[in-house]
C-alpha atoms as a PDB file:
ATOM      1  CA  MET A   1       0.094   0.020  -0.390  1.00  0.00           C
ATOM      2  CA  LYS A   2       1.217   3.226  -0.931  1.00  0.00           C
ATOM      3  CA  ASN A   3       1.023   5.680   2.258  1.00  0.00           C
ATOM      4  CA  GLU A   4       3.059   8.968   2.886  1.00  0.00           C
ATOM      5  CA  ALA A   5       5.777   7.525   3.710  1.00  0.00           C
ATOM      6  CA  TYR A   6       6.475   5.449   0.665  1.00  0.00           C
ATOM      7  CA  TYR A   7       6.334   8.731  -1.448  1.00  0.00           C
ATOM      8  CA  GLN A   8       8.655  10.747   1.471  1.00  0.00           C
ATOM      9  CA  ALA A   9      11.270   7.353   0.892  1.00  0.00           C
ATOM     10  CA  TYR A  10      10.888   7.944  -2.689  1.00  0.00           C
ATOM     11  CA  LEU A  11      11.810  11.240  -3.482  1.00  0.00           C
ATOM     12  CA  SER A  12      14.120  10.913  -0.970  1.00  0.00           C
ATOM     13  CA  HIS A  13      16.109   8.457  -2.896  1.00  0.00           C
ATOM     14  CA  ASN A  14      14.776  10.360  -6.498  1.00  0.00           C
ATOM     15  CA  GLN A  15      14.797  13.886  -7.286  1.00  0.00           C
ATOM     16  CA  ILE A  16      12.315  15.349  -8.819  1.00  0.00           C
ATOM     17  CA  SER A  17      11.588  18.921  -9.629  1.00  0.00           C
ATOM     18  CA  ARG A  18       8.028  20.068  -9.815  1.00  0.00           C
ATOM     19  CA  ARG A  19       7.925  20.760 -13.284  1.00  0.00           C
ATOM     20  CA  GLY A  20       9.172  16.751 -14.147  1.00  0.00           C
ATOM     21  CA  LEU A  21       6.314  16.006 -11.911  1.00  0.00           C
ATOM     22  CA  PHE A  22       3.567  17.444 -14.200  1.00  0.00           C
ATOM     23  CA  ARG A  23       5.446  16.691 -17.403  1.00  0.00           C
ATOM     24  CA  SER A  24       5.259  12.712 -16.548  1.00  0.00           C
ATOM     25  CA  LEU A  25       1.606  13.516 -15.444  1.00  0.00           C
ATOM     26  CA  PHE A  26       0.700  14.868 -18.599  1.00  0.00           C
ATOM     27  CA  THR A  27       2.989  12.630 -21.006  1.00  0.00           C
ATOM     28  CA  ALA A  28       1.358   9.628 -19.291  1.00  0.00           C
ATOM     29  CA  LYS A  29      -2.326  10.295 -19.548  1.00  0.00           C
ATOM     30  CA  LYS A  30      -1.465  10.649 -23.348  1.00  0.00           C
ATOM     31  CA  THR A  31       0.040   7.428 -23.142  1.00  0.00           C
ATOM     32  CA  VAL A  32      -2.685   6.187 -22.298  1.00  0.00           C
ATOM     33  CA  VAL A  33      -5.002   7.273 -24.225  1.00  0.00           C
ATOM     34  CA  SER A  34      -3.029   6.542 -27.381  1.00  0.00           C
ATOM     35  CA  GLU A  35      -2.727   3.094 -26.231  1.00  0.00           C
ATOM     36  CA  LYS A  36      -6.222   1.927 -26.026  1.00  0.00           C
ATOM     37  CA  ASN A  37      -7.953   1.847 -29.417  1.00  0.00           C
ATOM     38  CA  LEU A  38      -8.938  -1.757 -28.628  1.00  0.00           C
ATOM     39  CA  PRO A  39     -12.192  -2.953 -30.065  1.00  0.00           C
ATOM     40  CA  ARG A  40     -14.440  -2.803 -26.654  1.00  0.00           C
ATOM     41  CA  PRO A  41     -17.317  -5.135 -26.452  1.00  0.00           C
ATOM     42  CA  PRO A  42     -21.001  -2.984 -26.933  1.00  0.00           C
ATOM     43  CA  PHE A  43     -22.915  -1.703 -23.907  1.00  0.00           C
ATOM     44  CA  ALA A  44     -19.364  -0.796 -22.826  1.00  0.00           C
ATOM     45  CA  ALA A  45     -19.186   2.341 -20.649  1.00  0.00           C
ATOM     46  CA  LYS A  46     -16.886   5.066 -22.168  1.00  0.00           C
ATOM     47  CA  GLU A  47     -13.520   4.636 -22.067  1.00  0.00           C
ATOM     48  CA  ASP A  48     -11.701   6.004 -19.232  1.00  0.00           C
ATOM     49  CA  LEU A  49     -14.748   4.269 -17.127  1.00  0.00           C
ATOM     50  CA  PHE A  50     -14.393   1.119 -19.236  1.00  0.00           C
ATOM     51  CA  SER A  51     -10.696   1.125 -18.435  1.00  0.00           C
ATOM     52  CA  ALA A  52     -10.843   1.991 -14.766  1.00  0.00           C
ATOM     53  CA  VAL A  53     -13.817  -0.759 -14.243  1.00  0.00           C
ATOM     54  CA  CYS A  54     -13.659  -3.919 -16.125  1.00  0.00           C
ATOM     55  CA  ASN A  55     -11.598  -6.007 -13.870  1.00  0.00           C
ATOM     56  CA  GLY A  56     -10.647  -8.792 -16.481  1.00  0.00           C
ATOM     57  CA  CYS A  57     -13.035 -11.157 -14.815  1.00  0.00           C
ATOM     58  CA  GLY A  58     -13.818 -13.143 -17.808  1.00  0.00           C
ATOM     59  CA  GLU A  59     -17.853 -13.368 -17.346  1.00  0.00           C
ATOM     60  CA  CYS A  60     -18.545 -11.409 -20.333  1.00  0.00           C
ATOM     61  CA  ILE A  61     -16.640 -14.091 -22.414  1.00  0.00           C
ATOM     62  CA  LEU A  62     -18.131 -17.209 -20.929  1.00  0.00           C
ATOM     63  CA  ALA A  63     -21.896 -15.419 -21.707  1.00  0.00           C
ATOM     64  CA  CYS A  64     -21.054 -14.552 -24.844  1.00  0.00           C
ATOM     65  CA  PRO A  65     -22.481 -17.132 -27.372  1.00  0.00           C
ATOM     66  CA  ASN A  66     -20.521 -16.489 -30.518  1.00  0.00           C
ATOM     67  CA  ASN A  67     -17.279 -16.088 -28.242  1.00  0.00           C
ATOM     68  CA  LEU A  68     -16.576 -12.771 -29.706  1.00  0.00           C
ATOM     69  CA  ILE A  69     -14.663 -11.501 -26.360  1.00  0.00           C
ATOM     70  CA  ARG A  70     -11.415 -12.412 -25.126  1.00  0.00           C
ATOM     71  CA  LEU A  71      -9.315 -10.432 -22.551  1.00  0.00           C
ATOM     72  CA  VAL A  72      -6.185  -8.280 -23.657  1.00  0.00           C
ATOM     73  CA  GLN A  73      -4.031  -6.651 -20.771  1.00  0.00           C
ATOM     74  CA  ASN A  74      -6.564  -7.728 -18.522  1.00  0.00           C
ATOM     75  CA  GLN A  75      -9.700  -5.493 -20.475  1.00  0.00           C
ATOM     76  CA  ALA A  76     -12.582  -7.277 -22.571  1.00  0.00           C
ATOM     77  CA  VAL A  77     -11.811  -6.712 -26.153  1.00  0.00           C
ATOM     78  CA  LEU A  78     -14.251  -7.806 -28.984  1.00  0.00           C
ATOM     79  CA  GLU A  79     -13.286  -9.751 -31.941  1.00  0.00           C
ATOM     80  CA  ILE A  80     -15.461  -9.737 -34.724  1.00  0.00           C
ATOM     81  CA  ASP A  81     -13.191 -11.166 -37.117  1.00  0.00           C
ATOM     82  CA  TYR A  82     -14.846 -14.804 -38.131  1.00  0.00           C
ATOM     83  CA  ALA A  83     -18.372 -13.820 -37.064  1.00  0.00           C
ATOM     84  CA  PRO A  84     -20.705 -10.493 -36.407  1.00  0.00           C
ATOM     85  CA  CYS A  85     -22.149  -9.419 -33.275  1.00  0.00           C
ATOM     86  CA  ASP A  86     -25.592  -9.920 -33.017  1.00  0.00           C
ATOM     87  CA  LEU A  87     -26.089  -7.386 -29.769  1.00  0.00           C
ATOM     88  CA  CYS A  88     -27.719  -9.874 -27.673  1.00  0.00           C
ATOM     89  CA  GLY A  89     -26.594  -8.107 -24.399  1.00  0.00           C
ATOM     90  CA  LYS A  90     -25.885 -11.149 -22.310  1.00  0.00           C
ATOM     91  CA  CYS A  91     -22.067  -9.622 -21.748  1.00  0.00           C
ATOM     92  CA  ALA A  92     -23.904  -6.552 -20.243  1.00  0.00           C
ATOM     93  CA  GLU A  93     -26.119  -8.773 -18.334  1.00  0.00           C
ATOM     94  CA  VAL A  94     -23.419 -10.536 -16.378  1.00  0.00           C
ATOM     95  CA  CYS A  95     -21.015  -7.724 -16.025  1.00  0.00           C
ATOM     96  CA  SER A  96     -20.937  -7.482 -12.368  1.00  0.00           C
ATOM     97  CA  THR A  97     -18.412  -4.482 -12.507  1.00  0.00           C
ATOM     98  CA  HIS A  98     -20.976  -2.429 -14.922  1.00  0.00           C
ATOM     99  CA  ALA A  99     -18.000  -1.714 -17.052  1.00  0.00           C
ATOM    100  CA  LEU A 100     -21.095  -3.051 -19.714  1.00  0.00           C
ATOM    101  CA  HIS A 101     -24.299  -2.220 -18.752  1.00  0.00           C
ATOM    102  CA  SER A 102     -27.480  -2.200 -20.703  1.00  0.00           C
ATOM    103  CA  HIS A 103     -28.037   1.587 -20.198  1.00  0.00           C
ATOM    104  CA  PHE A 104     -24.680   1.929 -22.061  1.00  0.00           C
ATOM    105  CA  SER A 105     -25.522   2.479 -26.022  1.00  0.00           C
ATOM    106  CA  ALA A 106     -25.471  -1.282 -28.156  1.00  0.00           C
ATOM    107  CA  ASP A 107     -22.356   0.230 -30.632  1.00  0.00           C
ATOM    108  CA  THR A 108     -18.886  -1.647 -30.315  1.00  0.00           C
ATOM    109  CA  LEU A 109     -18.101   1.978 -32.074  1.00  0.00           C
ATOM    110  CA  LEU A 110     -16.278  -0.250 -34.918  1.00  0.00           C
ATOM    111  CA  ARG A 111     -16.619   1.629 -38.369  1.00  0.00           C
ATOM    112  CA  PRO A 112     -16.113  -0.280 -41.187  1.00  0.00           C
ATOM    113  CA  ASN A 113     -13.076   0.771 -43.881  1.00  0.00           C
ATOM    114  CA  PHE A 114     -12.885  -0.628 -47.281  1.00  0.00           C
ATOM    115  CA  SER A 115      -9.815  -1.587 -48.846  1.00  0.00           C
ATOM    116  CA  SER A 116      -9.409  -1.185 -52.654  1.00  0.00           C
ATOM    117  CA  LYS A 117     -10.153  -4.662 -53.142  1.00  0.00           C
ATOM    118  CA  CYS A 118     -13.438  -3.724 -52.687  1.00  0.00           C
ATOM    119  CA  LEU A 119     -15.596  -4.995 -56.054  1.00  0.00           C
ATOM    120  CA  ILE A 120     -17.318  -1.396 -56.224  1.00  0.00           C
ATOM    121  CA  LYS A 121     -14.208   0.616 -55.375  1.00  0.00           C
ATOM    122  CA  GLN A 122     -13.427  -1.792 -58.911  1.00  0.00           C
ATOM    123  CA  ASN A 123     -16.116  -0.440 -60.992  1.00  0.00           C
ATOM    124  CA  GLN A 124     -17.701  -4.095 -60.412  1.00  0.00           C
ATOM    125  CA  ARG A 125     -21.454  -4.623 -59.247  1.00  0.00           C
ATOM    126  CA  CYS A 126     -21.513  -6.090 -55.670  1.00  0.00           C
ATOM    127  CA  THR A 127     -23.978  -5.237 -52.980  1.00  0.00           C
ATOM    128  CA  ASP A 128     -23.753  -7.770 -50.233  1.00  0.00           C
ATOM    129  CA  CYS A 129     -22.326  -5.526 -47.858  1.00  0.00           C
ATOM    130  CA  GLN A 130     -25.048  -2.986 -48.133  1.00  0.00           C
ATOM    131  CA  THR A 131     -27.996  -5.853 -47.946  1.00  0.00           C
ATOM    132  CA  ALA A 132     -26.283  -7.620 -45.144  1.00  0.00           C
ATOM    133  CA  CYS A 133     -26.416  -4.510 -42.779  1.00  0.00           C
ATOM    134  CA  PRO A 134     -29.320  -4.952 -40.333  1.00  0.00           C
ATOM    135  CA  GLN A 135     -29.283  -1.170 -39.826  1.00  0.00           C
ATOM    136  CA  GLN A 136     -28.706  -0.212 -43.923  1.00  0.00           C
ATOM    137  CA  ALA A 137     -26.134   2.127 -42.409  1.00  0.00           C
ATOM    138  CA  ILE A 138     -23.919   1.395 -46.034  1.00  0.00           C
ATOM    139  CA  SER A 139     -24.730   3.701 -49.110  1.00  0.00           C
ATOM    140  CA  SER A 140     -24.007   2.188 -52.418  1.00  0.00           C
ATOM    141  CA  MET A 141     -20.900   5.019 -52.649  1.00  0.00           C
ATOM    142  CA  LEU A 142     -19.945   2.920 -49.392  1.00  0.00           C
ATOM    143  CA  GLU A 143     -20.382   6.201 -46.815  1.00  0.00           C
ATOM    144  CA  ILE A 144     -21.225   4.955 -43.714  1.00  0.00           C
ATOM    145  CA  ASP A 145     -23.965   6.568 -41.780  1.00  0.00           C
ATOM    146  CA  ASN A 146     -22.833   6.652 -38.155  1.00  0.00           C
ATOM    147  CA  GLU A 147     -26.245   7.460 -36.683  1.00  0.00           C
ATOM    148  CA  ARG A 148     -27.201   4.071 -37.763  1.00  0.00           C
ATOM    149  CA  CYS A 149     -23.963   2.011 -38.070  1.00  0.00           C
ATOM    150  CA  ASN A 150     -23.774  -0.072 -34.660  1.00  0.00           C
ATOM    151  CA  GLY A 151     -20.187  -2.120 -35.520  1.00  0.00           C
ATOM    152  CA  CYS A 152     -21.750  -5.588 -35.385  1.00  0.00           C
ATOM    153  CA  GLY A 153     -19.429  -6.460 -38.062  1.00  0.00           C
ATOM    154  CA  GLU A 154     -22.348  -8.152 -40.624  1.00  0.00           C
ATOM    155  CA  CYS A 155     -20.687  -6.360 -43.184  1.00  0.00           C
ATOM    156  CA  LYS A 156     -16.984  -7.555 -43.016  1.00  0.00           C
ATOM    157  CA  ILE A 157     -18.468 -11.236 -42.756  1.00  0.00           C
ATOM    158  CA  ILE A 158     -20.479 -11.158 -45.177  1.00  0.00           C
ATOM    159  CA  CYS A 159     -17.398  -9.627 -47.894  1.00  0.00           C
ATOM    160  CA  PHE A 160     -15.878 -12.612 -49.504  1.00  0.00           C
ATOM    161  CA  VAL A 161     -12.821 -11.095 -51.166  1.00  0.00           C
ATOM    162  CA  ALA A 162     -12.168  -9.370 -47.189  1.00  0.00           C
ATOM    163  CA  ALA A 163     -12.193  -5.944 -48.052  1.00  0.00           C
ATOM    164  CA  ILE A 164     -13.626  -4.642 -45.015  1.00  0.00           C
ATOM    165  CA  THR A 165     -11.478  -4.025 -41.974  1.00  0.00           C
ATOM    166  CA  PHE A 166     -12.954  -2.170 -38.860  1.00  0.00           C
ATOM    167  CA  LYS A 167     -11.294   0.671 -37.517  1.00  0.00           C
END
């Protein structure tokens, strides 16, 4: 447990200026924010709250019927590489810390990105991703309606040329 005696001992052995202290605090925050770009499950709290509350218990992993959640650095991460997320909410139902909760948005915050392999970008006819999208969030010009898209991954799974990635 870090108490006053710990910090006094630390400061007596390590010279640190006030400027250095504040610089380290601010650079540490930037590093944490930039490292946190992992896809979170649906019904997740905002990133800073989710990171603070998720304890890596793994209950959401066991509850996911499609096995789409795994732990990375003791945090729940969504992987929709082989199956879409149907947003069933079972992960939120079992989360004891409420890092995942049904009152939060049923959005993975992932959005499709179309590579040059996309048949539409090669001036060929294909509507698979548009027709597979349950939210009808993909236009014929491959524009994403962010209000409608929930990042479920249906478009990525249906694309037979693997032209869709998520960011």
